């Protein structure tokens, strides 16, 4: 199952855009579904979705919970097939009550990246790979910008 995060869409238009994307993909023979998560449209499909099929900026993504170990595993799965970048950063945005800070979470789940690429550098300014974690209450969306 492929997952994608689409953002930069007005929050008022998320449902309308999500419906339009699904109908567009259906016309091309691609079966997909979407969910609205905060300011994102999370798109999921078993079929291959090529960049020309989406007219919006999108990122490889996955949904998870707020739990550190599940976020760690989700990141490990998302980076599994990508080529090693020279550096990375983890950005966390949280809403709701959690037993950790954004910095604590970023530090702990960075281990998923270091486990795969032990010599990778951290670059908080302009990373080649940006792992974004958006947590709202007990759910999260994790997406990669590379």
Protein backbone atom coordinates (compact mmCIF):
# COMPACT_ATOMS: atom_id res chain seq x y z
CA UNK A 1 0.00 0.00 0.00
CA UNK A 2 1.41 3.40 -1.00
CA UNK A 3 0.71 6.46 1.09
CA UNK A 4 1.14 10.10 0.18
CA UNK A 5 0.70 13.38 2.01
CA UNK A 6 -0.57 16.33 0.02
CA UNK A 7 -0.52 19.78 1.57
CA UNK A 8 -0.48 23.45 0.52
CA UNK A 9 -4.23 23.27 -0.01
CA UNK A 10 -6.57 25.69 1.73
CA UNK A 11 -8.07 24.00 4.77
CA UNK A 12 -11.54 25.02 3.51
CA UNK A 13 -11.00 23.09 0.27
CA UNK A 14 -9.51 19.83 1.58
CA UNK A 15 -12.61 17.67 1.10
CA UNK A 16 -13.34 19.17 -2.32
CA UNK A 17 -9.73 18.64 -3.47
CA UNK A 18 -9.64 15.12 -2.01
CA UNK A 19 -12.79 14.18 -3.92
CA UNK A 20 -11.36 15.69 -7.11
CA UNK A 21 -8.08 13.78 -6.74
CA UNK A 22 -9.90 10.47 -6.19
CA UNK A 23 -12.14 11.00 -9.23
CA UNK A 24 -9.13 11.98 -11.35
CA UNK A 25 -7.27 8.82 -10.33
CA UNK A 26 -10.39 6.69 -10.88
CA UNK A 27 -10.63 8.03 -14.46
CA UNK A 28 -7.07 6.72 -14.97
CA UNK A 29 -7.97 3.28 -13.60
CA UNK A 30 -6.34 3.85 -10.21
CA UNK A 31 -8.24 2.89 -7.07
CA UNK A 32 -7.42 5.07 -4.07
CA UNK A 33 -8.91 6.53 -0.92
CA UNK A 34 -8.13 9.61 1.13
CA UNK A 35 -8.45 10.97 4.64
CA UNK A 36 -8.11 14.48 5.89
CA UNK A 37 -5.49 14.78 8.64
CA UNK A 38 -5.06 18.31 9.97
CA UNK A 39 -3.96 20.40 7.00
CA UNK A 40 -3.08 17.33 4.90
CA UNK A 41 -4.84 15.02 2.52
CA UNK A 42 -3.51 11.52 3.15
CA UNK A 43 -3.90 9.47 -0.02
CA UNK A 44 -3.59 5.68 -0.01
CA UNK A 45 -3.59 3.21 -2.92
CA UNK A 46 -2.59 -0.35 -3.74
CA UNK A 47 -2.05 0.79 -7.33
CA UNK A 48 1.06 2.62 -8.49
CA UNK A 49 0.50 6.36 -8.51
CA UNK A 50 2.91 8.22 -10.77
CA UNK A 51 3.78 11.88 -10.31
CA UNK A 52 1.94 12.85 -13.51
CA UNK A 53 -1.27 11.46 -11.97
CA UNK A 54 -1.14 13.95 -9.09
CA UNK A 55 -1.19 17.63 -9.92
CA UNK A 56 -0.20 18.65 -6.41
CA UNK A 57 3.06 18.53 -4.49
CA UNK A 58 3.07 15.27 -2.55
CA UNK A 59 5.36 13.28 -0.25
CA UNK A 60 5.74 9.60 0.64
CA UNK A 61 3.83 9.22 3.87
CA UNK A 62 2.25 6.91 6.40
CA UNK A 63 -0.22 7.25 9.25
CA UNK A 64 0.71 6.13 12.74
CA UNK A 65 -0.16 6.70 16.39
CA UNK A 66 1.45 9.11 18.87
CA UNK A 67 3.56 6.30 20.43
CA UNK A 68 7.32 6.68 20.05
CA UNK A 69 7.99 3.05 19.11
CA UNK A 70 5.31 3.07 16.41
CA UNK A 71 6.61 6.35 14.97
CA UNK A 72 10.14 4.86 15.00
CA UNK A 73 8.93 1.78 13.06
CA UNK A 74 6.95 3.90 10.61
CA UNK A 75 10.03 6.00 9.83
CA UNK A 76 12.12 2.84 9.37
CA UNK A 77 9.54 1.54 6.87
CA UNK A 78 9.31 4.84 4.97
CA UNK A 79 13.08 5.16 4.46
CA UNK A 80 13.53 1.49 3.59
CA UNK A 81 13.65 1.99 -0.20
CA UNK A 82 15.28 5.39 -0.55
CA UNK A 83 18.91 6.07 -1.39
CA UNK A 84 21.16 7.30 1.41
CA UNK A 85 21.15 11.10 1.58
CA UNK A 86 24.19 13.02 2.86
CA UNK A 87 22.23 14.47 5.80
CA UNK A 88 18.79 14.65 7.42
CA UNK A 89 16.61 16.38 9.97
CA UNK A 90 13.51 15.39 11.89
CA UNK A 91 10.82 18.04 12.33
CA UNK A 92 8.00 17.49 14.81
CA UNK A 93 4.75 19.42 15.16
CA UNK A 94 2.48 18.33 18.04
CA UNK A 95 -1.03 19.24 19.11
CA UNK A 96 -2.53 17.75 22.24
CA UNK A 97 -1.12 16.37 25.49
CA UNK A 98 1.85 13.99 25.24
CA UNK A 99 4.40 12.66 27.73
CA UNK A 100 7.28 13.94 25.61
CA UNK A 101 8.44 17.16 23.99
CA UNK A 102 8.94 17.58 20.25
CA UNK A 103 12.72 17.65 20.78
CA UNK A 104 12.67 14.45 22.86
CA UNK A 105 10.64 12.65 20.20
CA UNK A 106 12.89 13.84 17.35
CA UNK A 107 15.99 12.70 19.24
CA UNK A 108 14.56 9.24 19.96
CA UNK A 109 13.09 8.44 16.54
CA UNK A 110 16.24 9.66 14.76
CA UNK A 111 17.58 6.22 15.70
CA UNK A 112 15.49 4.76 12.85
CA UNK A 113 17.57 6.80 10.40
CA UNK A 114 20.89 6.08 12.16
CA UNK A 115 20.09 2.35 12.24
CA UNK A 116 19.87 2.34 8.44
CA UNK A 117 22.68 4.81 7.75
CA UNK A 118 25.11 4.92 10.72
CA UNK A 119 27.36 7.63 9.19
CA UNK A 120 24.65 10.06 8.10
CA UNK A 121 24.98 13.65 9.37
CA UNK A 122 22.30 15.83 10.93
CA UNK A 123 21.61 19.14 9.19
CA UNK A 124 18.85 21.17 10.80
CA UNK A 125 19.29 24.10 8.40
CA UNK A 126 18.86 22.63 4.93
CA UNK A 127 18.63 18.82 5.11
CA UNK A 128 18.69 16.55 2.06
CA UNK A 129 16.09 14.35 3.77
CA UNK A 130 13.46 15.88 6.01
CA UNK A 131 11.39 13.50 8.13
CA UNK A 132 8.24 15.37 9.17
CA UNK A 133 6.04 14.17 12.00
CA UNK A 134 2.69 15.86 12.58
CA UNK A 135 0.92 14.63 15.73
CA UNK A 136 -2.66 15.54 16.55
CA UNK A 137 -3.79 14.01 19.85
CA UNK A 138 -3.29 10.22 19.49
CA UNK A 139 -2.61 10.01 15.73
CA UNK A 140 0.23 11.09 13.49
CA UNK A 141 1.16 11.50 9.87
CA UNK A 142 4.79 11.01 8.94
CA UNK A 143 6.09 12.15 5.57
CA UNK A 144 9.45 12.48 3.85
CA UNK A 145 10.76 15.45 1.89
CA UNK A 146 13.83 14.51 -0.11
